[in-house]
Protein backbone atom coordinates (compact mmCIF):
# COMPACT_ATOMS: atom_id res chain seq x y z
CA UNK A 1 272.19 68.32 140.42
CA UNK A 2 275.87 68.78 142.36
CA UNK A 3 277.80 71.61 141.33
CA UNK A 4 281.34 71.93 141.02
CA UNK A 5 282.92 76.12 140.17
CA UNK A 6 286.73 76.49 139.48
CA UNK A 7 288.41 79.25 138.14
CA UNK A 8 288.34 82.16 140.57
CA UNK A 9 291.49 83.59 141.67
CA UNK A 10 294.08 86.87 141.17
CA UNK A 11 293.99 89.23 138.54
CA UNK A 12 294.96 92.79 138.16
CA UNK A 13 292.95 95.20 136.57
CA UNK A 14 292.22 94.68 132.88
CA UNK A 15 292.84 91.47 133.26
CA UNK A 16 290.64 88.08 132.63
CA UNK A 17 289.16 84.99 134.05
CA UNK A 18 287.15 82.22 133.08
CA UNK A 19 285.00 80.51 135.85
CA UNK A 20 284.13 76.58 135.46
CA UNK A 21 280.99 74.86 136.85
CA UNK A 22 280.84 71.29 136.20
CA UNK A 23 277.01 70.06 136.23
CA UNK A 24 275.80 66.31 137.33
CA UNK A 25 272.78 66.67 135.70
CA UNK A 26 271.13 68.63 133.38
CA UNK A 27 269.32 71.94 134.26
CA UNK A 28 266.87 74.01 132.26
CA UNK A 29 269.65 76.75 133.35
CA UNK A 30 273.01 77.63 134.90
CA UNK A 31 273.53 81.39 136.06
CA UNK A 32 276.62 82.72 137.91
CA UNK A 33 275.48 85.40 140.98
CA UNK A 34 277.97 87.42 143.24
CA UNK A 35 278.30 88.08 146.07
CA UNK A 36 280.34 90.81 147.91
CA UNK A 37 281.34 91.14 151.22
CA UNK A 38 278.22 93.45 152.59
CA UNK A 39 276.51 93.42 149.81
CA UNK A 40 273.45 91.25 148.78
CA UNK A 41 274.41 88.53 146.04
CA UNK A 42 273.42 89.56 142.29
CA UNK A 43 272.91 87.44 139.37
CA UNK A 44 275.66 88.03 136.72
CA UNK A 45 274.22 86.33 133.94
CA UNK A 46 272.48 82.73 132.66
CA UNK A 47 272.14 80.28 130.11
CA UNK A 48 269.57 78.05 129.27
CA UNK A 49 271.08 74.62 129.06
CA UNK A 50 269.16 73.03 125.99
CA UNK A 51 268.30 76.53 123.96
CA UNK A 52 272.07 78.11 124.65
CA UNK A 53 270.28 81.59 125.45
CA UNK A 54 272.37 84.11 127.05
CA UNK A 55 271.16 86.70 129.33
CA UNK A 56 273.41 89.16 130.94
CA UNK A 57 272.74 91.93 133.73
CA UNK A 58 274.01 95.45 132.50
CA UNK A 59 277.47 94.11 134.77
CA UNK A 60 278.52 92.10 132.41
CA UNK A 61 277.12 93.09 129.24
CA UNK A 62 280.07 93.55 126.88
CA UNK A 63 283.15 92.33 129.38
CA UNK A 64 281.29 88.74 130.69
CA UNK A 65 280.22 85.52 128.38
CA UNK A 66 278.47 83.00 129.06
CA UNK A 67 278.51 79.40 127.84
CA UNK A 68 277.96 76.02 127.78
CA UNK A 69 279.63 72.76 126.83
CA UNK A 70 276.96 69.83 126.70
CA UNK A 71 279.82 66.85 125.71
CA UNK A 72 281.09 68.30 129.16
CA UNK A 73 278.05 68.93 130.89
CA UNK A 74 280.04 72.00 132.21
CA UNK A 75 278.95 75.89 132.27
CA UNK A 76 281.67 78.36 131.93
CA UNK A 77 281.98 82.59 132.63
CA UNK A 78 284.61 84.32 130.58
CA UNK A 79 285.15 87.72 132.44
CA UNK A 80 287.52 90.52 130.25
CA UNK A 81 288.55 93.67 131.21
CA UNK A 82 287.98 92.85 135.22
CA UNK A 83 287.59 96.09 137.29
CA UNK A 84 288.03 95.80 141.52
CA UNK A 85 284.29 95.94 141.87
CA UNK A 86 283.82 92.83 140.35
CA UNK A 87 286.04 91.47 143.57
CA UNK A 88 283.62 88.56 144.85
CA UNK A 89 282.35 85.00 145.72
CA UNK A 90 280.93 83.87 142.63
CA UNK A 91 278.61 80.90 142.68
CA UNK A 92 277.16 79.09 139.65
CA UNK A 93 273.13 77.84 140.19
CA UNK A 94 271.10 75.15 138.27
CA UNK A 95 267.19 76.20 137.86
CA UNK A 96 265.74 79.34 136.79
CA UNK A 97 262.81 78.10 135.33
CA UNK A 98 260.65 80.49 136.93
CA UNK A 99 262.89 83.62 136.64
CA UNK A 100 266.44 83.43 135.48
CA UNK A 101 267.55 85.95 137.41
CA UNK A 102 266.06 85.59 140.34
CA UNK A 103 267.88 83.61 142.79
CA UNK A 104 265.65 82.59 144.20
CA UNK A 105 264.36 79.95 140.99
CA UNK A 106 267.35 78.56 141.83
CA UNK A 107 267.61 74.93 143.97
CA UNK A 108 271.56 73.95 143.42
CA UNK A 109 274.53 75.87 144.24
CA UNK A 110 278.00 75.40 143.85
CA UNK A 111 280.39 76.06 146.72
CA UNK A 112 282.04 79.41 145.44
CA UNK A 113 284.64 80.67 143.75
CA UNK A 114 286.75 83.65 144.93
CA UNK A 115 287.74 86.38 142.31
CA UNK A 116 289.53 89.27 143.45
CA UNK A 117 290.57 91.76 141.08
CA UNK A 118 293.17 94.35 142.52
CA UNK A 119 294.00 97.76 140.65
């Protein structure tokens, strides 16, 4: 599965961004992870492709929404009420059948898109 992520950018605190990730195949799940400088990669959210079941980390609950469009084979991460601490490179990934929040269970990764939230 090849992935192409897009939608990152610079936004003020409290603003919104919507990330997109186009997939070339039909995965079990698509997830978003993020990595800030000097920090480990962390799980943000995931969605199962066939069942449309979302999973959220605590940092995403109430602010972020994950979705997918089967007709476009594309996943989305809508991020609202962004905070400066949300600044990171966001990666989409597919896989996750043996652990939907575990980065080690994802075998295809997009190139990452930078999200910067200014205060």
